[in-house]
């Protein structure tokens, strides 16, 4: 378990020390809390909403029920709608699908990079831009 100072910080931040955090091995427990705190709860380049959506996507791709539940709740807390959650999971699924197609067919990576660059160059030339929120 973490040092007493870390345990106190976790309790103050989360209102408790979740049981799963008590499973962290002694040499890494303080460090693990720091990563959790700084990346998920701290001020970073990504907004809390963006971080939650990344977490939902990763959890869906990993098929992790624990992470899926946590990051969906995190996303709801950050104001993500149920429709946005569903779309996020669909985007993760589409990404995984095409990754399987590419890897399974051993598509040549350099060719893929060249074609992708050409596609985005074309989209820019057409005046297409990502939609703003």
C-alpha atoms as a PDB file:
ATOM      1  CA  UNK A   1       0.000   0.000   0.000  1.00  0.00           C
ATOM      2  CA  UNK A   2       1.020   3.598  -0.520  1.00  0.00           C
ATOM      3  CA  UNK A   3       2.657   5.840   2.042  1.00  0.00           C
ATOM      4  CA  UNK A   4       0.403   7.436   4.645  1.00  0.00           C
ATOM      5  CA  UNK A   5       0.751  10.814   2.918  1.00  0.00           C
ATOM      6  CA  UNK A   6      -0.444   9.317  -0.391  1.00  0.00           C
ATOM      7  CA  UNK A   7      -3.298   7.452   1.311  1.00  0.00           C
ATOM      8  CA  UNK A   8      -4.422  10.714   2.897  1.00  0.00           C
ATOM      9  CA  UNK A   9      -4.236  12.517  -0.474  1.00  0.00           C
ATOM     10  CA  UNK A  10      -6.254   9.779  -2.178  1.00  0.00           C
ATOM     11  CA  UNK A  11      -8.912   9.949   0.554  1.00  0.00           C
ATOM     12  CA  UNK A  12      -9.101  13.745   0.322  1.00  0.00           C
ATOM     13  CA  UNK A  13      -9.338  13.635  -3.471  1.00  0.00           C
ATOM     14  CA  UNK A  14     -11.648  10.653  -3.994  1.00  0.00           C
ATOM     15  CA  UNK A  15     -13.445  10.469  -0.645  1.00  0.00           C
ATOM     16  CA  UNK A  16     -11.985   6.993  -0.080  1.00  0.00           C
ATOM     17  CA  UNK A  17      -9.149   4.720  -1.099  1.00  0.00           C
ATOM     18  CA  UNK A  18     -10.791   2.361  -3.599  1.00  0.00           C
ATOM     19  CA  UNK A  19      -9.977  -1.277  -2.911  1.00  0.00           C
ATOM     20  CA  UNK A  20      -8.345  -1.723  -6.295  1.00  0.00           C
ATOM     21  CA  UNK A  21      -5.826   0.992  -5.452  1.00  0.00           C
ATOM     22  CA  UNK A  22      -4.828  -1.058  -2.405  1.00  0.00           C
ATOM     23  CA  UNK A  23      -3.760  -3.808  -4.821  1.00  0.00           C
ATOM     24  CA  UNK A  24      -0.910  -1.679  -6.189  1.00  0.00           C
ATOM     25  CA  UNK A  25       2.484  -3.096  -5.260  1.00  0.00           C
ATOM     26  CA  UNK A  26       4.412  -1.164  -2.608  1.00  0.00           C
ATOM     27  CA  UNK A  27       7.247   0.104  -4.811  1.00  0.00           C
ATOM     28  CA  UNK A  28       4.813   1.522  -7.375  1.00  0.00           C
ATOM     29  CA  UNK A  29       1.796   2.584  -5.324  1.00  0.00           C
ATOM     30  CA  UNK A  30       2.762   6.222  -4.708  1.00  0.00           C
ATOM     31  CA  UNK A  31       3.924   6.582  -8.311  1.00  0.00           C
ATOM     32  CA  UNK A  32       0.753   4.921  -9.649  1.00  0.00           C
ATOM     33  CA  UNK A  33      -1.421   7.357  -7.711  1.00  0.00           C
ATOM     34  CA  UNK A  34       0.651  10.238  -9.093  1.00  0.00           C
ATOM     35  CA  UNK A  35       0.051   9.069 -12.660  1.00  0.00           C
ATOM     36  CA  UNK A  36      -3.691   8.662 -12.014  1.00  0.00           C
ATOM     37  CA  UNK A  37      -3.923  12.037 -10.283  1.00  0.00           C
ATOM     38  CA  UNK A  38      -1.808  13.999 -12.744  1.00  0.00           C
ATOM     39  CA  UNK A  39      -3.101  12.547 -16.020  1.00  0.00           C
ATOM     40  CA  UNK A  40      -6.757  11.877 -15.241  1.00  0.00           C
ATOM     41  CA  UNK A  41      -7.513  14.564 -12.684  1.00  0.00           C
ATOM     42  CA  UNK A  42      -4.837  17.158 -13.322  1.00  0.00           C
ATOM     43  CA  UNK A  43      -4.748  20.070 -15.706  1.00  0.00           C
ATOM     44  CA  UNK A  44      -3.205  18.854 -18.966  1.00  0.00           C
ATOM     45  CA  UNK A  45      -3.327  19.713 -22.659  1.00  0.00           C
ATOM     46  CA  UNK A  46      -6.550  17.703 -22.974  1.00  0.00           C
ATOM     47  CA  UNK A  47      -9.771  18.807 -21.345  1.00  0.00           C
ATOM     48  CA  UNK A  48     -11.413  16.462 -18.817  1.00  0.00           C
ATOM     49  CA  UNK A  49     -14.020  15.726 -21.497  1.00  0.00           C
ATOM     50  CA  UNK A  50     -11.393  14.790 -24.081  1.00  0.00           C
ATOM     51  CA  UNK A  51      -9.492  12.623 -21.599  1.00  0.00           C
ATOM     52  CA  UNK A  52     -12.688  10.797 -20.676  1.00  0.00           C
ATOM     53  CA  UNK A  53     -13.491  10.094 -24.330  1.00  0.00           C
ATOM     54  CA  UNK A  54      -9.981   8.765 -24.918  1.00  0.00           C
ATOM     55  CA  UNK A  55     -10.438   6.534 -21.867  1.00  0.00           C
ATOM     56  CA  UNK A  56     -13.803   5.257 -23.143  1.00  0.00           C
ATOM     57  CA  UNK A  57     -12.250   4.449 -26.523  1.00  0.00           C
ATOM     58  CA  UNK A  58      -9.264   2.641 -25.035  1.00  0.00           C
ATOM     59  CA  UNK A  59     -11.439   0.710 -22.597  1.00  0.00           C
ATOM     60  CA  UNK A  60     -13.770  -0.394 -25.380  1.00  0.00           C
ATOM     61  CA  UNK A  61     -10.853  -1.505 -27.553  1.00  0.00           C
ATOM     62  CA  UNK A  62      -9.304  -3.448 -24.642  1.00  0.00           C
ATOM     63  CA  UNK A  63     -12.667  -5.003 -23.722  1.00  0.00           C
ATOM     64  CA  UNK A  64     -12.102  -4.046 -20.099  1.00  0.00           C
ATOM     65  CA  UNK A  65     -15.336  -3.905 -18.110  1.00  0.00           C
ATOM     66  CA  UNK A  66     -13.631  -2.085 -15.235  1.00  0.00           C
ATOM     67  CA  UNK A  67     -12.128   0.622 -17.426  1.00  0.00           C
ATOM     68  CA  UNK A  68     -15.320   0.905 -19.485  1.00  0.00           C
ATOM     69  CA  UNK A  69     -17.394   1.573 -16.388  1.00  0.00           C
ATOM     70  CA  UNK A  70     -14.884   4.012 -14.895  1.00  0.00           C
ATOM     71  CA  UNK A  71     -14.339   6.029 -18.068  1.00  0.00           C
ATOM     72  CA  UNK A  72     -18.040   6.149 -18.977  1.00  0.00           C
ATOM     73  CA  UNK A  73     -18.753   7.570 -15.523  1.00  0.00           C
ATOM     74  CA  UNK A  74     -15.824   9.959 -15.952  1.00  0.00           C
ATOM     75  CA  UNK A  75     -17.275  11.029 -19.318  1.00  0.00           C
ATOM     76  CA  UNK A  76     -20.771  11.545 -17.908  1.00  0.00           C
ATOM     77  CA  UNK A  77     -19.237  13.582 -15.080  1.00  0.00           C
ATOM     78  CA  UNK A  78     -17.507  15.720 -17.740  1.00  0.00           C
ATOM     79  CA  UNK A  79     -20.824  16.362 -19.517  1.00  0.00           C
ATOM     80  CA  UNK A  80     -20.617  13.795 -22.326  1.00  0.00           C
ATOM     81  CA  UNK A  81     -24.060  12.730 -23.549  1.00  0.00           C
ATOM     82  CA  UNK A  82     -25.183   9.140 -24.041  1.00  0.00           C
ATOM     83  CA  UNK A  83     -25.238   9.720 -27.811  1.00  0.00           C
ATOM     84  CA  UNK A  84     -21.640  10.946 -27.691  1.00  0.00           C
ATOM     85  CA  UNK A  85     -20.636   7.913 -25.623  1.00  0.00           C
ATOM     86  CA  UNK A  86     -22.248   5.585 -28.159  1.00  0.00           C
ATOM     87  CA  UNK A  87     -20.509   7.348 -31.034  1.00  0.00           C
ATOM     88  CA  UNK A  88     -17.155   7.217 -29.226  1.00  0.00           C
ATOM     89  CA  UNK A  89     -17.507   3.463 -28.791  1.00  0.00           C
ATOM     90  CA  UNK A  90     -18.486   3.105 -32.457  1.00  0.00           C
ATOM     91  CA  UNK A  91     -15.407   5.074 -33.539  1.00  0.00           C
ATOM     92  CA  UNK A  92     -13.262   2.775 -31.372  1.00  0.00           C
ATOM     93  CA  UNK A  93     -14.894  -0.229 -33.027  1.00  0.00           C
ATOM     94  CA  UNK A  94     -14.362   1.099 -36.545  1.00  0.00           C
ATOM     95  CA  UNK A  95     -10.717   1.828 -35.730  1.00  0.00           C
ATOM     96  CA  UNK A  96     -10.236  -1.685 -34.387  1.00  0.00           C
ATOM     97  CA  UNK A  97     -11.998  -3.160 -37.435  1.00  0.00           C
ATOM     98  CA  UNK A  98      -9.793  -1.397 -39.976  1.00  0.00           C
ATOM     99  CA  UNK A  99      -6.691  -2.123 -37.907  1.00  0.00           C
ATOM    100  CA  UNK A 100      -7.560  -5.810 -38.142  1.00  0.00           C
ATOM    101  CA  UNK A 101      -8.039  -5.518 -41.914  1.00  0.00           C
ATOM    102  CA  UNK A 102      -4.691  -3.744 -42.354  1.00  0.00           C
ATOM    103  CA  UNK A 103      -2.702  -6.030 -40.050  1.00  0.00           C
ATOM    104  CA  UNK A 104      -4.371  -9.222 -41.198  1.00  0.00           C
ATOM    105  CA  UNK A 105      -3.578  -8.415 -44.815  1.00  0.00           C
ATOM    106  CA  UNK A 106      -0.082  -7.173 -43.912  1.00  0.00           C
ATOM    107  CA  UNK A 107      -0.699  -3.969 -45.846  1.00  0.00           C
ATOM    108  CA  UNK A 108       2.574  -2.179 -46.522  1.00  0.00           C
ATOM    109  CA  UNK A 109       2.979   0.611 -43.947  1.00  0.00           C
ATOM    110  CA  UNK A 110       4.844   3.099 -46.161  1.00  0.00           C
ATOM    111  CA  UNK A 111       2.123   2.778 -48.822  1.00  0.00           C
ATOM    112  CA  UNK A 112      -0.523   3.369 -46.165  1.00  0.00           C
ATOM    113  CA  UNK A 113       1.269   6.516 -44.928  1.00  0.00           C
ATOM    114  CA  UNK A 114       1.627   7.892 -48.467  1.00  0.00           C
ATOM    115  CA  UNK A 115      -2.033   7.230 -49.293  1.00  0.00           C
ATOM    116  CA  UNK A 116      -3.223   8.720 -45.999  1.00  0.00           C
ATOM    117  CA  UNK A 117      -1.173  11.881 -46.568  1.00  0.00           C
ATOM    118  CA  UNK A 118      -2.676  12.177 -50.078  1.00  0.00           C
ATOM    119  CA  UNK A 119      -6.209  11.751 -48.712  1.00  0.00           C
ATOM    120  CA  UNK A 120      -5.759  14.521 -46.133  1.00  0.00           C
ATOM    121  CA  UNK A 121      -4.066  16.783 -48.672  1.00  0.00           C
ATOM    122  CA  UNK A 122      -7.102  16.289 -50.937  1.00  0.00           C
ATOM    123  CA  UNK A 123      -9.520  17.055 -48.090  1.00  0.00           C
ATOM    124  CA  UNK A 124      -7.628  20.273 -47.346  1.00  0.00           C
ATOM    125  CA  UNK A 125      -7.667  21.246 -51.038  1.00  0.00           C
ATOM    126  CA  UNK A 126     -11.413  20.702 -51.085  1.00  0.00           C
ATOM    127  CA  UNK A 127     -11.743  23.148 -48.183  1.00  0.00           C
ATOM    128  CA  UNK A 128     -12.923  20.463 -45.803  1.00  0.00           C
ATOM    129  CA  UNK A 129     -12.044  21.152 -42.228  1.00  0.00           C
ATOM    130  CA  UNK A 130     -12.863  19.371 -39.003  1.00  0.00           C
ATOM    131  CA  UNK A 131     -16.072  20.662 -37.467  1.00  0.00           C
ATOM    132  CA  UNK A 132     -15.724  22.848 -34.404  1.00  0.00           C
ATOM    133  CA  UNK A 133     -17.818  22.084 -31.316  1.00  0.00           C
END
